[in-house]
Amino acid sequence: MQGDKQVIDFLNKALLNELTAINQYWLHYRMLDNWGISKLAEYERHESIDEMKHADMLADRILFLEGLPNFQAIGKLRIGEGVEEILKCDLEVEHEAIPLLKEAIAHCEHVR
């Protein structure tokens, strides 16, 4: 099914956000685990894996629309140097995705 080019572009931008979060959360997981903060480390690990699932769903949808998922692009990782900073960095990466998602939703509703 040939999809709307702008929808595919939005999906690839969302994929970039997911790939960024995957890497950021995974590094935070490894850091926290190294520091012996195992419960929070496990939470970060779980979040990274959830983001991998989101990336997989986006890639599947892009391919369905006859686009090409871009796994080469990644945003800037925000790596905290302590627990509080890690949590702030993770919150930032989530908040940054919201405007794009709102814009994508509006576009998809318009072209429906």
C-alpha atoms as a PDB file:
ATOM      1  CA  MET A   1       0.000   0.000   0.000  1.00  0.00           C
ATOM      2  CA  GLN A   2       1.539   3.272  -1.119  1.00  0.00           C
ATOM      3  CA  GLY A   3       1.465   5.665   1.797  1.00  0.00           C
ATOM      4  CA  ASP A   4       1.431   9.430   2.041  1.00  0.00           C
ATOM      5  CA  LYS A   5       5.041  10.642   1.812  1.00  0.00           C
ATOM      6  CA  GLN A   6       4.645  13.057   4.710  1.00  0.00           C
ATOM      7  CA  VAL A   7       3.160  10.303   6.897  1.00  0.00           C
ATOM      8  CA  ILE A   8       6.213   8.167   6.150  1.00  0.00           C
ATOM      9  CA  ASP A   9       8.452  11.143   6.999  1.00  0.00           C
ATOM     10  CA  PHE A  10       6.644  11.600  10.318  1.00  0.00           C
ATOM     11  CA  LEU A  11       7.014   7.892  11.065  1.00  0.00           C
ATOM     12  CA  ASN A  12      10.755   8.062  10.353  1.00  0.00           C
ATOM     13  CA  LYS A  13      11.099  11.091  12.645  1.00  0.00           C
ATOM     14  CA  ALA A  14       9.266   9.171  15.360  1.00  0.00           C
ATOM     15  CA  LEU A  15      11.600   6.234  14.676  1.00  0.00           C
ATOM     16  CA  LEU A  16      14.598   8.520  15.203  1.00  0.00           C
ATOM     17  CA  ASN A  17      13.177   9.511  18.596  1.00  0.00           C
ATOM     18  CA  GLU A  18      12.660   5.870  19.555  1.00  0.00           C
ATOM     19  CA  LEU A  19      16.183   4.885  18.479  1.00  0.00           C
ATOM     20  CA  THR A  20      17.596   7.755  20.511  1.00  0.00           C
ATOM     21  CA  ALA A  21      15.611   6.687  23.582  1.00  0.00           C
ATOM     22  CA  ILE A  22      16.669   3.041  23.157  1.00  0.00           C
ATOM     23  CA  ASN A  23      20.344   3.963  23.308  1.00  0.00           C
ATOM     24  CA  GLN A  24      19.977   6.538  26.059  1.00  0.00           C
ATOM     25  CA  TYR A  25      17.956   4.226  28.296  1.00  0.00           C
ATOM     26  CA  TRP A  26      20.300   1.294  27.648  1.00  0.00           C
ATOM     27  CA  LEU A  27      23.380   3.302  28.590  1.00  0.00           C
ATOM     28  CA  HIS A  28      21.621   4.574  31.703  1.00  0.00           C
ATOM     29  CA  TYR A  29      20.715   0.972  32.542  1.00  0.00           C
ATOM     30  CA  ARG A  30      24.356  -0.112  32.271  1.00  0.00           C
ATOM     31  CA  MET A  31      25.559   2.856  34.342  1.00  0.00           C
ATOM     32  CA  LEU A  32      22.997   2.324  37.105  1.00  0.00           C
ATOM     33  CA  ASP A  33      23.727  -1.391  37.173  1.00  0.00           C
ATOM     34  CA  ASN A  34      27.436  -0.631  37.482  1.00  0.00           C
ATOM     35  CA  TRP A  35      26.694   1.686  40.420  1.00  0.00           C
ATOM     36  CA  GLY A  36      24.734  -1.071  42.159  1.00  0.00           C
ATOM     37  CA  ILE A  37      21.355   0.652  41.773  1.00  0.00           C
ATOM     38  CA  SER A  38      19.765  -2.514  40.475  1.00  0.00           C
ATOM     39  CA  LYS A  39      16.032  -1.739  40.755  1.00  0.00           C
ATOM     40  CA  LEU A  40      16.310   1.508  38.833  1.00  0.00           C
ATOM     41  CA  ALA A  41      18.743  -0.151  36.421  1.00  0.00           C
ATOM     42  CA  GLU A  42      16.179  -2.850  35.679  1.00  0.00           C
ATOM     43  CA  TYR A  43      13.532  -0.179  35.091  1.00  0.00           C
ATOM     44  CA  GLU A  44      15.814   1.562  32.552  1.00  0.00           C
ATOM     45  CA  ARG A  45      16.483  -1.774  30.851  1.00  0.00           C
ATOM     46  CA  HIS A  46      12.754  -2.441  30.587  1.00  0.00           C
ATOM     47  CA  GLU A  47      12.149   1.050  29.167  1.00  0.00           C
ATOM     48  CA  SER A  48      14.849   0.537  26.535  1.00  0.00           C
ATOM     49  CA  ILE A  49      13.286  -2.753  25.467  1.00  0.00           C
ATOM     50  CA  ASP A  50       9.843  -1.103  25.293  1.00  0.00           C
ATOM     51  CA  GLU A  51      11.314   1.558  23.017  1.00  0.00           C
ATOM     52  CA  MET A  52      12.761  -1.232  20.832  1.00  0.00           C
ATOM     53  CA  LYS A  53       9.242  -2.623  20.465  1.00  0.00           C
ATOM     54  CA  HIS A  54       7.957   0.828  19.508  1.00  0.00           C
ATOM     55  CA  ALA A  55      10.739   1.167  16.921  1.00  0.00           C
ATOM     56  CA  ASP A  56       9.820  -2.232  15.508  1.00  0.00           C
ATOM     57  CA  MET A  57       6.163  -1.212  15.153  1.00  0.00           C
ATOM     58  CA  LEU A  58       7.149   2.016  13.413  1.00  0.00           C
ATOM     59  CA  ALA A  59       9.475   0.176  11.015  1.00  0.00           C
ATOM     60  CA  ASP A  60       6.708  -2.311  10.247  1.00  0.00           C
ATOM     61  CA  ARG A  61       4.255   0.501   9.462  1.00  0.00           C
ATOM     62  CA  ILE A  62       6.794   2.361   7.300  1.00  0.00           C
ATOM     63  CA  LEU A  63       7.431  -0.803   5.281  1.00  0.00           C
ATOM     64  CA  PHE A  64       3.676  -1.417   4.991  1.00  0.00           C
ATOM     65  CA  LEU A  65       3.343   2.069   3.486  1.00  0.00           C
ATOM     66  CA  GLU A  66       6.159   1.196   1.033  1.00  0.00           C
ATOM     67  CA  GLY A  67       8.671   3.485   2.706  1.00  0.00           C
ATOM     68  CA  LEU A  68      12.157   2.749   3.977  1.00  0.00           C
ATOM     69  CA  PRO A  69      12.738   2.875   7.740  1.00  0.00           C
ATOM     70  CA  ASN A  70      15.797   4.975   8.563  1.00  0.00           C
ATOM     71  CA  PHE A  71      17.797   3.174  11.230  1.00  0.00           C
ATOM     72  CA  GLN A  72      20.896   5.285  10.531  1.00  0.00           C
ATOM     73  CA  ALA A  73      19.696   8.513  12.122  1.00  0.00           C
ATOM     74  CA  ILE A  74      19.823   9.053  15.865  1.00  0.00           C
ATOM     75  CA  GLY A  75      19.379  12.128  18.011  1.00  0.00           C
ATOM     76  CA  LYS A  76      21.733  13.462  20.649  1.00  0.00           C
ATOM     77  CA  LEU A  77      21.898  11.287  23.742  1.00  0.00           C
ATOM     78  CA  ARG A  78      21.508  13.050  27.072  1.00  0.00           C
ATOM     79  CA  ILE A  79      23.512  11.058  29.560  1.00  0.00           C
ATOM     80  CA  GLY A  80      23.151  11.841  33.229  1.00  0.00           C
ATOM     81  CA  GLU A  81      26.092  11.682  35.601  1.00  0.00           C
ATOM     82  CA  GLY A  82      23.987  10.799  38.631  1.00  0.00           C
ATOM     83  CA  VAL A  83      20.581   9.320  39.403  1.00  0.00           C
ATOM     84  CA  GLU A  84      18.678  12.613  39.460  1.00  0.00           C
ATOM     85  CA  GLU A  85      20.301  13.810  36.248  1.00  0.00           C
ATOM     86  CA  ILE A  86      19.587  10.465  34.548  1.00  0.00           C
ATOM     87  CA  LEU A  87      15.896  10.800  35.359  1.00  0.00           C
ATOM     88  CA  LYS A  88      15.826  14.411  34.132  1.00  0.00           C
ATOM     89  CA  CYS A  89      17.534  13.414  30.882  1.00  0.00           C
ATOM     90  CA  ASP A  90      15.057  10.607  30.328  1.00  0.00           C
ATOM     91  CA  LEU A  91      12.124  12.922  30.952  1.00  0.00           C
ATOM     92  CA  GLU A  92      13.556  15.389  28.419  1.00  0.00           C
ATOM     93  CA  VAL A  93      13.819  12.759  25.684  1.00  0.00           C
ATOM     94  CA  GLU A  94      10.162  11.829  26.241  1.00  0.00           C
ATOM     95  CA  HIS A  95       8.942  15.439  26.309  1.00  0.00           C
ATOM     96  CA  GLU A  96      10.823  16.282  23.115  1.00  0.00           C
ATOM     97  CA  ALA A  97       8.868  13.641  21.205  1.00  0.00           C
ATOM     98  CA  ILE A  98       5.458  15.118  22.048  1.00  0.00           C
ATOM     99  CA  PRO A  99       5.303  18.058  19.569  1.00  0.00           C
ATOM    100  CA  LEU A 100       6.236  15.789  16.659  1.00  0.00           C
ATOM    101  CA  LEU A 101       3.614  13.238  17.648  1.00  0.00           C
ATOM    102  CA  LYS A 102       0.924  15.923  17.914  1.00  0.00           C
ATOM    103  CA  GLU A 103       1.859  17.291  14.493  1.00  0.00           C
ATOM    104  CA  ALA A 104       1.882  13.796  12.991  1.00  0.00           C
ATOM    105  CA  ILE A 105      -1.534  12.996  14.460  1.00  0.00           C
ATOM    106  CA  ALA A 106      -3.001  16.219  13.050  1.00  0.00           C
ATOM    107  CA  HIS A 107      -1.549  15.476   9.610  1.00  0.00           C
ATOM    108  CA  CYS A 108      -2.821  11.890   9.615  1.00  0.00           C
ATOM    109  CA  GLU A 109      -6.312  13.006  10.600  1.00  0.00           C
ATOM    110  CA  HIS A 110      -6.229  15.556   7.773  1.00  0.00           C
ATOM    111  CA  VAL A 111      -5.168  13.096   5.031  1.00  0.00           C
ATOM    112  CA  ARG A 112      -7.386  10.272   6.210  1.00  0.00           C
END
